[in-house]
Amino acid sequence: MIEGASERLRPVLMASLLALVGLLPMALGSGVGSETQRPFALVVVGGMLTTLAIALWLLPIIYSYITPRRLTKPEEEDELLEARP
């Protein structure tokens, strides 16, 4: 679980930060056309921030509660399955 979360950290973080940095000027702008740009930018920036929080913190916590406490290697699982009658 920790290995999977650390493997996904960089792609999720890069996508979220890219959207945040790219759309933040639109979200904070007050010039011509900002009436249509601002709502779109706020939705995307908010969605990327919540995706970041959910993907990096909430999903691993939920997964740790759902999965069994004892994790086995694939070889050990095969041995356990073969030992069953």
N, C-alpha and C. Protein backbone atom coordinates (compact mmCIF):
# COMPACT_ATOMS: atom_id res chain seq x y z
N MET A 1 0.83 -1.18 0.00
CA MET A 1 0.00 0.00 0.00
C MET A 1 0.88 1.25 0.00
N ILE A 2 1.91 1.24 0.82
CA ILE A 2 2.80 2.39 0.88
C ILE A 2 3.56 2.54 -0.43
N GLU A 3 3.98 1.41 -1.00
CA GLU A 3 4.70 1.45 -2.27
C GLU A 3 3.81 2.00 -3.38
N GLY A 4 2.55 1.58 -3.41
CA GLY A 4 1.62 2.07 -4.42
C GLY A 4 1.34 3.55 -4.27
N ALA A 5 1.17 4.00 -3.02
CA ALA A 5 0.91 5.43 -2.79
C ALA A 5 2.12 6.27 -3.18
N SER A 6 3.32 5.78 -2.86
CA SER A 6 4.51 6.56 -3.21
C SER A 6 4.75 6.55 -4.72
N GLU A 7 4.33 5.47 -5.39
CA GLU A 7 4.48 5.40 -6.84
C GLU A 7 3.54 6.39 -7.54
N ARG A 8 2.37 6.62 -7.00
CA ARG A 8 1.39 7.52 -7.61
C ARG A 8 1.54 8.97 -7.14
N LEU A 9 2.41 9.22 -6.19
CA LEU A 9 2.56 10.57 -5.64
C LEU A 9 2.96 11.57 -6.72
N ARG A 10 4.00 11.29 -7.46
CA ARG A 10 4.50 12.25 -8.45
C ARG A 10 3.48 12.56 -9.55
N PRO A 11 2.85 11.55 -10.20
CA PRO A 11 1.89 11.90 -11.26
C PRO A 11 0.69 12.70 -10.76
N VAL A 12 0.15 12.33 -9.61
CA VAL A 12 -1.02 13.04 -9.09
C VAL A 12 -0.63 14.45 -8.67
N LEU A 13 0.50 14.59 -8.03
CA LEU A 13 0.96 15.90 -7.59
C LEU A 13 1.27 16.80 -8.78
N MET A 14 1.91 16.26 -9.81
CA MET A 14 2.24 17.07 -10.99
C MET A 14 0.98 17.53 -11.72
N ALA A 15 0.00 16.63 -11.88
CA ALA A 15 -1.23 17.02 -12.57
C ALA A 15 -1.99 18.08 -11.78
N SER A 16 -2.07 17.91 -10.48
CA SER A 16 -2.79 18.88 -9.65
C SER A 16 -2.09 20.24 -9.65
N LEU A 17 -0.79 20.23 -9.48
CA LEU A 17 -0.07 21.50 -9.46
C LEU A 17 -0.09 22.19 -10.82
N LEU A 18 -0.04 21.41 -11.91
CA LEU A 18 -0.10 22.00 -13.23
C LEU A 18 -1.44 22.71 -13.46
N ALA A 19 -2.52 22.04 -13.09
CA ALA A 19 -3.84 22.67 -13.24
C ALA A 19 -3.98 23.87 -12.32
N LEU A 20 -3.47 23.76 -11.11
CA LEU A 20 -3.57 24.86 -10.16
C LEU A 20 -2.79 26.08 -10.64
N VAL A 21 -1.56 25.88 -11.04
CA VAL A 21 -0.73 27.00 -11.49
C VAL A 21 -1.24 27.57 -12.81
N GLY A 22 -1.71 26.70 -13.70
CA GLY A 22 -2.18 27.18 -14.99
C GLY A 22 -3.50 27.92 -14.93
N LEU A 23 -4.38 27.51 -14.04
CA LEU A 23 -5.71 28.12 -13.99
C LEU A 23 -5.89 29.14 -12.86
N LEU A 24 -4.92 29.26 -11.99
CA LEU A 24 -5.04 30.22 -10.90
C LEU A 24 -5.17 31.66 -11.40
N PRO A 25 -4.43 32.09 -12.42
CA PRO A 25 -4.64 33.46 -12.92
C PRO A 25 -6.06 33.68 -13.45
N MET A 26 -6.65 32.64 -14.08
CA MET A 26 -8.02 32.78 -14.56
C MET A 26 -8.99 32.85 -13.39
N ALA A 27 -8.72 32.10 -12.34
CA ALA A 27 -9.62 32.08 -11.19
C ALA A 27 -9.57 33.40 -10.42
N LEU A 28 -8.44 34.05 -10.44
CA LEU A 28 -8.29 35.30 -9.69
C LEU A 28 -8.44 36.54 -10.55
N GLY A 29 -8.55 36.37 -11.87
CA GLY A 29 -8.62 37.51 -12.78
C GLY A 29 -9.92 38.28 -12.66
N SER A 30 -9.83 39.57 -13.06
CA SER A 30 -11.03 40.42 -13.02
C SER A 30 -11.16 41.25 -14.30
N GLY A 31 -10.45 40.84 -15.33
CA GLY A 31 -10.48 41.60 -16.58
C GLY A 31 -11.65 41.22 -17.46
N VAL A 32 -11.52 41.58 -18.74
CA VAL A 32 -12.56 41.30 -19.72
C VAL A 32 -12.66 39.78 -19.91
N GLY A 33 -13.87 39.27 -19.85
CA GLY A 33 -14.10 37.85 -20.04
C GLY A 33 -14.00 37.02 -18.79
N SER A 34 -13.69 37.65 -17.68
CA SER A 34 -13.53 36.88 -16.45
C SER A 34 -14.87 36.34 -15.92
N GLU A 35 -15.97 36.91 -16.41
CA GLU A 35 -17.28 36.42 -15.96
C GLU A 35 -17.51 34.97 -16.39
N THR A 36 -16.94 34.60 -17.53
CA THR A 36 -17.10 33.22 -18.01
C THR A 36 -15.92 32.34 -17.64
N GLN A 37 -14.73 32.90 -17.52
CA GLN A 37 -13.55 32.11 -17.21
C GLN A 37 -13.46 31.72 -15.74
N ARG A 38 -13.84 32.62 -14.86
CA ARG A 38 -13.67 32.39 -13.43
C ARG A 38 -14.43 31.16 -12.93
N PRO A 39 -15.70 30.98 -13.24
CA PRO A 39 -16.39 29.78 -12.73
C PRO A 39 -15.76 28.48 -13.22
N PHE A 40 -15.37 28.44 -14.47
CA PHE A 40 -14.71 27.25 -15.01
C PHE A 40 -13.40 26.98 -14.29
N ALA A 41 -12.59 28.00 -14.12
CA ALA A 41 -11.29 27.84 -13.47
C ALA A 41 -11.45 27.43 -12.01
N LEU A 42 -12.42 27.99 -11.32
CA LEU A 42 -12.63 27.62 -9.92
C LEU A 42 -13.05 26.16 -9.77
N VAL A 43 -13.88 25.68 -10.68
CA VAL A 43 -14.32 24.29 -10.63
C VAL A 43 -13.14 23.35 -10.87
N VAL A 44 -12.33 23.66 -11.86
CA VAL A 44 -11.19 22.80 -12.18
C VAL A 44 -10.16 22.83 -11.06
N VAL A 45 -9.84 24.00 -10.55
CA VAL A 45 -8.86 24.11 -9.46
C VAL A 45 -9.38 23.40 -8.21
N GLY A 46 -10.63 23.59 -7.87
CA GLY A 46 -11.19 22.90 -6.70
C GLY A 46 -11.23 21.39 -6.89
N GLY A 47 -11.56 20.95 -8.09
CA GLY A 47 -11.57 19.52 -8.38
C GLY A 47 -10.19 18.89 -8.28
N MET A 48 -9.19 19.59 -8.76
CA MET A 48 -7.84 19.05 -8.69
C MET A 48 -7.32 19.03 -7.25
N LEU A 49 -7.69 20.01 -6.46
CA LEU A 49 -7.27 20.00 -5.05
C LEU A 49 -7.95 18.87 -4.28
N THR A 50 -9.23 18.66 -4.53
CA THR A 50 -9.91 17.56 -3.84
C THR A 50 -9.41 16.20 -4.34
N THR A 51 -9.11 16.11 -5.64
CA THR A 51 -8.55 14.86 -6.17
C THR A 51 -7.20 14.57 -5.52
N LEU A 52 -6.41 15.59 -5.35
CA LEU A 52 -5.11 15.42 -4.69
C LEU A 52 -5.28 14.89 -3.28
N ALA A 53 -6.19 15.49 -2.53
CA ALA A 53 -6.40 15.06 -1.15
C ALA A 53 -6.98 13.65 -1.09
N ILE A 54 -7.92 13.34 -1.96
CA ILE A 54 -8.54 12.02 -1.94
C ILE A 54 -7.56 10.94 -2.38
N ALA A 55 -6.83 11.18 -3.46
CA ALA A 55 -5.94 10.16 -4.01
C ALA A 55 -4.74 9.89 -3.12
N LEU A 56 -4.25 10.89 -2.43
CA LEU A 56 -3.03 10.71 -1.65
C LEU A 56 -3.27 10.40 -0.18
N TRP A 57 -4.41 10.79 0.36
CA TRP A 57 -4.63 10.57 1.79
C TRP A 57 -5.86 9.70 2.08
N LEU A 58 -6.97 10.03 1.51
CA LEU A 58 -8.20 9.33 1.87
C LEU A 58 -8.25 7.90 1.35
N LEU A 59 -7.91 7.68 0.08
CA LEU A 59 -7.97 6.33 -0.47
C LEU A 59 -7.02 5.35 0.23
N PRO A 60 -5.77 5.73 0.52
CA PRO A 60 -4.93 4.79 1.27
C PRO A 60 -5.48 4.48 2.67
N ILE A 61 -6.10 5.45 3.32
CA ILE A 61 -6.68 5.20 4.64
C ILE A 61 -7.85 4.24 4.54
N ILE A 62 -8.73 4.45 3.57
CA ILE A 62 -9.86 3.55 3.38
C ILE A 62 -9.37 2.16 3.01
N TYR A 63 -8.38 2.08 2.15
CA TYR A 63 -7.85 0.79 1.73
C TYR A 63 -7.24 0.03 2.91
N SER A 64 -6.58 0.75 3.81
CA SER A 64 -5.97 0.08 4.96
C SER A 64 -7.03 -0.50 5.90
N TYR A 65 -8.21 0.09 5.94
CA TYR A 65 -9.28 -0.46 6.77
C TYR A 65 -9.98 -1.66 6.10
N ILE A 66 -10.02 -1.65 4.79
CA ILE A 66 -10.72 -2.71 4.07
C ILE A 66 -9.87 -3.97 3.93
N THR A 67 -8.59 -3.82 3.67
CA THR A 67 -7.73 -4.98 3.43
C THR A 67 -7.40 -5.68 4.74
N PRO A 68 -7.04 -6.95 4.64
CA PRO A 68 -6.64 -7.67 5.86
C PRO A 68 -5.37 -7.09 6.45
N ARG A 69 -5.21 -7.29 7.73
CA ARG A 69 -4.04 -6.72 8.42
C ARG A 69 -2.74 -7.39 8.00
N ARG A 70 -2.78 -8.69 7.73
CA ARG A 70 -1.58 -9.41 7.36
C ARG A 70 -1.48 -9.47 5.84
N LEU A 71 -0.45 -8.84 5.30
CA LEU A 71 -0.25 -8.86 3.87
C LEU A 71 0.68 -10.01 3.52
N THR A 72 0.38 -10.71 2.45
CA THR A 72 1.20 -11.83 2.03
C THR A 72 1.81 -11.54 0.66
N LYS A 73 2.93 -12.23 0.41
CA LYS A 73 3.56 -12.14 -0.90
C LYS A 73 2.80 -13.05 -1.85
N PRO A 74 2.89 -12.81 -3.15
CA PRO A 74 2.16 -13.66 -4.10
C PRO A 74 2.53 -15.14 -3.98
N GLU A 75 3.82 -15.44 -3.68
CA GLU A 75 4.23 -16.83 -3.54
C GLU A 75 3.54 -17.48 -2.34
N GLU A 76 3.41 -16.73 -1.25
CA GLU A 76 2.75 -17.25 -0.06
C GLU A 76 1.27 -17.49 -0.32
N GLU A 77 0.64 -16.62 -1.11
CA GLU A 77 -0.77 -16.81 -1.45
C GLU A 77 -0.97 -18.09 -2.25
N ASP A 78 -0.04 -18.35 -3.19
CA ASP A 78 -0.13 -19.57 -3.99
C ASP A 78 -0.02 -20.81 -3.11
N GLU A 79 0.90 -20.76 -2.13
CA GLU A 79 1.07 -21.89 -1.23
C GLU A 79 -0.18 -22.08 -0.37
N LEU A 80 -0.79 -20.99 0.08
CA LEU A 80 -2.00 -21.10 0.89
C LEU A 80 -3.16 -21.67 0.07
N LEU A 81 -3.25 -21.27 -1.18
CA LEU A 81 -4.34 -21.78 -2.03
C LEU A 81 -4.15 -23.27 -2.35
N GLU A 82 -2.91 -23.69 -2.54
CA GLU A 82 -2.63 -25.11 -2.82
C GLU A 82 -2.87 -25.98 -1.61
N ALA A 83 -2.69 -25.44 -0.42
CA ALA A 83 -2.83 -26.21 0.81
C ALA A 83 -4.29 -26.44 1.17
N ARG A 84 -5.20 -25.67 0.62
CA ARG A 84 -6.62 -25.82 0.92
C ARG A 84 -7.15 -27.12 0.32
N PRO A 85 -8.06 -27.81 1.04
CA PRO A 85 -8.61 -29.07 0.50
C PRO A 85 -9.62 -28.84 -0.59
